[in-house]
Protein backbone atom coordinates (compact mmCIF):
# COMPACT_ATOMS: atom_id res chain seq x y z
CA UNK A 1 -5.84 27.57 -21.79
CA UNK A 2 -3.63 26.65 -19.57
CA UNK A 3 -4.03 23.34 -17.45
CA UNK A 4 -3.02 25.07 -14.24
CA UNK A 5 -5.21 27.64 -15.26
CA UNK A 6 -8.92 26.26 -15.93
CA UNK A 7 -11.46 25.27 -13.26
CA UNK A 8 -13.14 22.73 -15.08
CA UNK A 9 -10.68 20.50 -14.53
CA UNK A 10 -11.39 18.03 -11.09
CA UNK A 11 -9.02 17.58 -8.45
CA UNK A 12 -6.58 14.55 -8.39
CA UNK A 13 -8.61 12.15 -6.14
CA UNK A 14 -7.67 9.31 -3.15
CA UNK A 15 -10.42 8.39 -4.53
CA UNK A 16 -12.13 7.51 -0.98
CA UNK A 17 -15.50 8.89 -0.84
CA UNK A 18 -16.16 10.00 2.37
CA UNK A 19 -13.28 12.28 1.66
CA UNK A 20 -14.90 13.91 -1.37
CA UNK A 21 -16.01 16.55 0.90
CA UNK A 22 -13.37 17.46 2.83
CA UNK A 23 -10.00 16.73 0.37
CA UNK A 24 -11.10 16.62 -2.76
CA UNK A 25 -7.88 15.98 -3.96
CA UNK A 26 -4.48 17.51 -5.23
CA UNK A 27 -4.35 19.93 -7.77
CA UNK A 28 -2.02 20.74 -10.40
CA UNK A 29 0.81 22.76 -9.05
CA UNK A 30 0.74 21.20 -5.89
CA UNK A 31 3.96 19.89 -4.01
CA UNK A 32 2.76 16.79 -1.40
CA UNK A 33 4.34 15.25 0.97
CA UNK A 34 2.59 12.02 2.76
CA UNK A 35 4.43 10.67 5.51
CA UNK A 36 3.08 7.98 8.09
CA UNK A 37 3.40 3.95 7.77
CA UNK A 38 0.26 3.80 5.03
CA UNK A 39 2.81 6.62 2.73
CA UNK A 40 3.98 4.07 0.61
CA UNK A 41 0.61 1.98 -0.43
CA UNK A 42 -0.81 5.39 -1.20
CA UNK A 43 1.48 6.60 -3.30
CA UNK A 44 1.10 3.65 -4.95
CA UNK A 45 -2.49 4.26 -4.58
CA UNK A 46 -1.91 6.99 -6.51
CA UNK A 47 -0.10 5.79 -9.65
CA UNK A 48 -3.02 3.81 -10.60
CA UNK A 49 -5.42 6.30 -9.96
CA UNK A 50 -3.44 9.26 -12.42
CA UNK A 51 -4.46 7.10 -15.32
CA UNK A 52 -8.28 7.71 -14.47
CA UNK A 53 -10.15 10.24 -16.70
CA UNK A 54 -10.21 13.42 -15.46
CA UNK A 55 -13.97 12.88 -14.36
CA UNK A 56 -12.84 9.75 -12.50
CA UNK A 57 -10.65 12.20 -10.12
CA UNK A 58 -8.11 10.78 -12.03
CA UNK A 59 -5.33 12.92 -14.30
CA UNK A 60 -5.54 10.91 -17.66
CA UNK A 61 -1.76 10.88 -17.67
CA UNK A 62 1.25 7.97 -17.53
CA UNK A 63 3.22 8.47 -13.72
CA UNK A 64 6.51 9.20 -12.94
CA UNK A 65 8.50 7.09 -9.90
CA UNK A 66 11.63 8.42 -8.69
CA UNK A 67 12.66 5.87 -6.33
CA UNK A 68 14.27 6.93 -3.19
CA UNK A 69 14.11 4.29 -1.14
CA UNK A 70 13.83 0.72 -3.41
CA UNK A 71 10.30 0.62 -2.59
CA UNK A 72 8.52 0.41 -5.91
CA UNK A 73 6.42 -2.41 -5.65
CA UNK A 74 4.65 -3.89 -8.73
CA UNK A 75 2.79 -6.23 -6.88
CA UNK A 76 1.13 -4.15 -4.89
CA UNK A 77 0.95 -1.95 -7.73
CA UNK A 78 -1.30 -4.68 -10.30
CA UNK A 79 -3.35 -5.61 -6.88
CA UNK A 80 -4.36 -2.21 -6.61
CA UNK A 81 -5.21 -2.32 -10.31
CA UNK A 82 -6.99 -5.48 -9.90
CA UNK A 83 -9.26 -3.76 -7.45
CA UNK A 84 -10.85 -1.60 -9.57
CA UNK A 85 -11.24 -3.23 -12.14
CA UNK A 86 -8.34 -3.07 -14.50
CA UNK A 87 -5.88 -4.43 -16.82
CA UNK A 88 -2.37 -4.75 -14.22
CA UNK A 89 0.37 -4.80 -17.24
CA UNK A 90 -1.66 -1.77 -19.01
CA UNK A 91 -1.78 0.17 -15.82
CA UNK A 92 2.58 -1.17 -14.91
CA UNK A 93 3.60 -0.60 -18.47
CA UNK A 94 2.37 3.74 -17.93
CA UNK A 95 4.49 4.16 -14.86
CA UNK A 96 7.90 4.71 -15.46
CA UNK A 97 10.60 4.16 -12.74
CA UNK A 98 13.87 4.83 -12.05
CA UNK A 99 16.07 4.16 -9.24
CA UNK A 100 18.38 5.97 -7.21
CA UNK A 101 20.68 4.15 -4.89
CA UNK A 102 22.94 7.32 -3.81
CA UNK A 103 22.18 10.80 -2.74
CA UNK A 104 24.13 11.90 -5.98
CA UNK A 105 21.51 9.80 -8.25
CA UNK A 106 18.46 10.70 -6.97
CA UNK A 107 19.18 14.93 -7.01
CA UNK A 108 20.79 14.24 -10.84
CA UNK A 109 17.35 12.72 -11.62
CA UNK A 110 15.92 15.47 -10.05
CA UNK A 111 17.70 18.36 -10.91
CA UNK A 112 18.75 16.93 -13.91
CA UNK A 113 16.20 14.93 -15.69
CA UNK A 114 12.44 14.73 -14.08
CA UNK A 115 11.30 17.88 -16.07
CA UNK A 116 12.04 16.69 -19.96
CA UNK A 117 11.03 13.28 -18.77
CA UNK A 118 7.91 14.83 -17.21
CA UNK A 119 7.61 16.83 -20.99
CA UNK A 120 8.56 13.86 -22.90
CA UNK A 121 6.15 11.53 -21.48
CA UNK A 122 3.09 13.57 -20.89
CA UNK A 123 3.15 12.88 -17.64
CA UNK A 124 0.68 14.90 -14.95
CA UNK A 125 2.19 13.10 -12.07
CA UNK A 126 5.38 12.55 -10.18
CA UNK A 127 6.08 10.60 -7.09
CA UNK A 128 9.76 10.08 -5.22
CA UNK A 129 10.01 8.08 -2.96
CA UNK A 130 11.22 8.22 0.67
CA UNK A 131 12.63 11.77 -0.85
CA UNK A 132 15.36 12.44 2.52
CA UNK A 133 16.78 8.79 3.50
CA UNK A 134 19.96 8.93 0.65
CA UNK A 135 20.23 12.37 2.30
CA UNK A 136 21.98 10.99 5.95
CA UNK A 137 24.83 8.92 3.63
CA UNK A 138 27.37 8.98 6.67
CA UNK A 139 29.81 9.69 3.91
CA UNK A 140 28.75 12.63 2.83
CA UNK A 141 29.57 15.71 4.13
CA UNK A 142 26.47 17.14 6.08
CA UNK A 143 26.84 20.96 4.52
CA UNK A 144 26.98 18.74 0.93
CA UNK A 145 23.78 16.60 1.99
CA UNK A 146 21.46 19.75 3.20
CA UNK A 147 22.59 21.95 0.04
CA UNK A 148 21.74 19.22 -2.19
CA UNK A 149 18.49 18.41 -0.24
CA UNK A 150 17.07 22.13 -0.48
CA UNK A 151 18.07 22.37 -3.75
CA UNK A 152 15.66 18.94 -4.70
CA UNK A 153 13.34 20.78 -2.24
CA UNK A 154 13.12 23.43 -4.28
CA UNK A 155 13.86 21.53 -7.72
CA UNK A 156 10.55 19.44 -6.96
CA UNK A 157 8.59 22.63 -5.81
CA UNK A 158 9.32 24.62 -8.86
CA UNK A 159 8.43 21.48 -10.82
CA UNK A 160 5.34 21.51 -9.94
CA UNK A 161 4.63 24.48 -11.00
CA UNK A 162 5.80 25.30 -13.79
CA UNK A 163 5.12 21.70 -15.24
CA UNK A 164 1.78 22.09 -13.77
CA UNK A 165 2.22 18.98 -12.31
CA UNK A 166 1.14 17.30 -9.11
CA UNK A 167 4.69 16.23 -7.14
CA UNK A 168 4.14 13.61 -4.24
CA UNK A 169 7.04 13.00 -2.41
CA UNK A 170 6.93 10.35 0.74
CA UNK A 171 8.46 10.76 3.98
CA UNK A 172 9.29 8.70 6.43
CA UNK A 173 11.00 10.95 9.72
CA UNK A 174 14.41 10.40 10.86
CA UNK A 175 14.12 13.08 13.63
CA UNK A 176 16.44 11.97 15.77
CA UNK A 177 19.39 14.08 14.95
CA UNK A 178 19.86 18.24 14.19
CA UNK A 179 20.35 16.74 10.20
CA UNK A 180 17.29 14.79 10.70
CA UNK A 181 15.32 17.89 12.02
CA UNK A 182 17.19 20.33 9.55
CA UNK A 183 16.06 17.84 6.93
CA UNK A 184 12.09 18.13 7.65
CA UNK A 185 12.37 21.69 7.51
CA UNK A 186 13.36 22.02 4.84
CA UNK A 187 10.99 19.51 3.22
CA UNK A 188 7.74 20.76 5.17
CA UNK A 189 8.91 24.26 4.15
CA UNK A 190 9.04 23.49 0.67
CA UNK A 191 6.14 21.68 -0.05
CA UNK A 192 2.68 23.49 -0.09
CA UNK A 193 1.08 20.25 1.05
CA UNK A 194 1.39 17.79 4.17
CA UNK A 195 -0.84 14.29 5.35
CA UNK A 196 -0.06 12.24 7.80
CA UNK A 197 -1.23 8.84 6.38
CA UNK A 198 -1.42 6.24 8.82
CA UNK A 199 -2.91 2.75 8.93
CA UNK A 200 -5.15 1.08 11.75
CA UNK A 201 -5.98 -1.97 12.25
CA UNK A 202 -9.69 -1.38 10.40
CA UNK A 203 -8.57 1.53 7.49
CA UNK A 204 -6.52 4.21 7.01
CA UNK A 205 -6.32 7.52 9.30
CA UNK A 206 -5.45 10.88 6.92
CA UNK A 207 -4.58 14.39 9.02
CA UNK A 208 -4.34 16.94 6.39
CA UNK A 209 -2.14 18.58 8.63
CA UNK A 210 -0.94 22.06 5.98
CA UNK A 211 -2.56 23.43 2.97
CA UNK A 212 -3.31 26.37 0.79
CA UNK A 213 -7.03 25.84 0.38
CA UNK A 214 -8.67 23.73 3.26
CA UNK A 215 -8.46 23.37 6.85
CA UNK A 216 -6.78 20.13 8.88
CA UNK A 217 -8.17 17.43 9.43
CA UNK A 218 -7.90 14.30 10.78
CA UNK A 219 -10.58 11.25 9.53
CA UNK A 220 -10.60 7.32 9.91
CA UNK A 221 -11.69 5.56 6.48
CA UNK A 222 -12.63 2.11 6.28
CA UNK A 223 -10.99 0.73 3.59
CA UNK A 224 -13.33 0.31 0.41
CA UNK A 225 -11.29 -2.20 -1.69
CA UNK A 226 -10.53 -5.78 0.05
CA UNK A 227 -7.87 -5.85 -2.44
CA UNK A 228 -6.45 -2.83 -0.30
CA UNK A 229 -6.41 -4.59 2.89
CA UNK A 230 -3.78 -7.10 1.96
CA UNK A 231 -1.62 -4.89 1.48
CA UNK A 232 -1.30 -3.30 4.51
CA UNK A 233 1.87 -4.42 5.86
CA UNK A 234 4.01 -4.25 2.74
């Protein structure tokens, strides 16, 4: 039986107990966009939690991180792992990182290599950091950048479904231009889950804005692990 079709697999949880009733987590086939000033940190949290067993809200799986914003932070990930009492080195060894420094590199990774990498590594989580920033390159015609961005977003949605994977993209809005508004419309038009993650003085505000099965909500969380608090500013 397909994992995607199985009703016995628990959702991929963020790990905050207060969320369990309103948002149990992501499911295979979800293409989720996280944005806000805590989006990167939550994506690192998911990289760690993906390696948890299914019964503990994980994916029992390694993860792939495509770094489009030069944001991968092994120290924060190690801190999160230790907050769970895990071996940080073992956790980091199961995260495959690919860095992109141009929109062409990012597009190539996603359009040509991601699906095979997921299968080869038996990974069930794909994270793409800062998915839109490289497409604002002033040396690239806006029409070409827009066409490539549409292909990338379509591919991420397709990959989530066909590879029976959770795909997460972090996004940092740049809506001061028509190009930025266009990118945002394309991205949110292709994802099926969008969540705003905003750091606050004593924790985190999570606002679920779009979801195929759950009504939108906003909830304030107190950070449950002390090691997390040291990383809010990173």
